[in-house]
C-alpha cells in the first residue's frame, strides 16, 4: 500500500487526539472538533493532540485542548505510537 506523500516527498502527518480511553485519528481540524466535543459532552479536562508520520514509531504532543481554548506546545514530549494505540484505541 502506498503512503500518501506531502511536499518534498515526505509522508503526510496524521494527528491523534487522546483523552481517557478514547482516541481519534484524522486531520488537525477534525481532531480539534472532536476534542471540543469531548470537552462539552464528557466534561473532559484536557485532550492532547499528537502528530506522527506513517513510518514513525514516536508521536509528539503538539497541543492541549481545554475548556479555555487551544494551547500549542513547542517541543512536546514523545510517546510511542504503539503504546498509545494499545492503551487508547
Protein backbone atom coordinates (compact mmCIF):
# COMPACT_ATOMS: atom_id res chain seq x y z
CA UNK A 1 0.00 0.00 0.00
CA UNK A 2 1.39 3.39 -0.97
CA UNK A 3 1.86 6.07 1.68
CA UNK A 4 0.43 9.49 0.69
CA UNK A 5 3.23 11.98 0.14
CA UNK A 6 3.30 15.65 1.05
CA UNK A 7 5.56 18.30 -0.46
CA UNK A 8 9.20 17.23 -0.51
CA UNK A 9 8.29 13.53 -0.90
CA UNK A 10 7.77 13.06 2.84
CA UNK A 11 4.83 11.06 4.18
CA UNK A 12 1.93 13.24 5.32
CA UNK A 13 1.35 13.78 9.02
CA UNK A 14 -1.51 12.22 10.91
CA UNK A 15 -2.97 13.74 14.05
CA UNK A 16 -4.29 11.82 17.03
CA UNK A 17 -6.46 13.25 19.81
CA UNK A 18 -6.33 11.29 23.07
CA UNK A 19 -8.43 11.58 26.23
CA UNK A 20 -9.07 8.91 28.86
CA UNK A 21 -9.67 5.67 26.90
CA UNK A 22 -10.69 7.32 23.63
CA UNK A 23 -8.69 8.25 20.53
CA UNK A 24 -9.46 9.97 17.26
CA UNK A 25 -7.06 9.68 14.29
CA UNK A 26 -7.55 12.18 11.47
CA UNK A 27 -6.51 15.66 10.36
CA UNK A 28 -5.78 18.70 12.53
CA UNK A 29 -9.22 20.34 12.33
CA UNK A 30 -11.07 17.05 12.78
CA UNK A 31 -9.07 16.33 15.96
CA UNK A 32 -9.74 19.85 17.28
CA UNK A 33 -13.51 19.49 16.73
CA UNK A 34 -13.52 16.00 18.24
CA UNK A 35 -11.62 17.30 21.28
CA UNK A 36 -14.04 20.19 21.77
CA UNK A 37 -16.96 17.75 21.58
CA UNK A 38 -15.34 15.53 24.24
CA UNK A 39 -14.90 18.54 26.49
CA UNK A 40 -18.52 19.66 26.02
CA UNK A 41 -20.13 16.21 26.19
CA UNK A 42 -17.93 14.22 28.55
CA UNK A 43 -16.60 17.06 30.71
CA UNK A 44 -13.04 16.01 29.83
CA UNK A 45 -10.45 18.28 31.41
CA UNK A 46 -7.66 18.05 28.81
CA UNK A 47 -7.45 16.45 25.38
CA UNK A 48 -3.94 16.10 23.95
CA UNK A 49 -3.24 16.28 20.22
CA UNK A 50 -0.29 14.26 18.92
CA UNK A 51 1.32 14.20 15.47
CA UNK A 52 3.13 11.40 13.64
CA UNK A 53 4.07 10.30 10.15
CA UNK A 54 3.12 6.80 8.95
CA UNK A 55 6.69 5.45 9.18
CA UNK A 56 7.49 6.89 12.64
CA UNK A 57 7.42 4.95 15.90
CA UNK A 58 7.07 8.04 18.08
CA UNK A 59 4.43 10.76 18.06
CA UNK A 60 4.86 14.20 19.59
CA UNK A 61 2.37 16.19 21.69
CA UNK A 62 1.65 19.40 19.74
CA UNK A 63 -1.40 20.84 21.52
CA UNK A 64 -3.67 20.60 24.52
CA UNK A 65 -7.36 21.42 24.27
CA UNK A 66 -9.23 22.58 27.37
CA UNK A 67 -12.49 24.39 28.03
CA UNK A 68 -10.48 27.62 27.94
CA UNK A 69 -9.07 27.04 24.45
CA UNK A 70 -6.19 25.56 22.47
CA UNK A 71 -2.65 25.66 23.81
CA UNK A 72 0.07 24.92 21.24
CA UNK A 73 3.08 23.12 22.69
CA UNK A 74 6.61 23.71 21.42
CA UNK A 75 8.99 20.74 21.81
CA UNK A 76 6.31 18.47 23.28
CA UNK A 77 7.18 15.11 24.75
CA UNK A 78 7.23 11.97 22.64
CA UNK A 79 5.00 8.91 23.11
CA UNK A 80 5.32 5.57 21.30
CA UNK A 81 2.63 5.18 18.65
CA UNK A 82 2.11 1.52 19.53
CA UNK A 83 1.75 2.28 23.25
CA UNK A 84 -0.87 4.98 22.60
CA UNK A 85 -2.74 2.77 20.14
CA UNK A 86 -2.83 -0.19 22.52
CA UNK A 87 -3.74 1.85 25.56
CA UNK A 88 -6.34 4.09 23.93
CA UNK A 89 -7.50 2.54 20.77
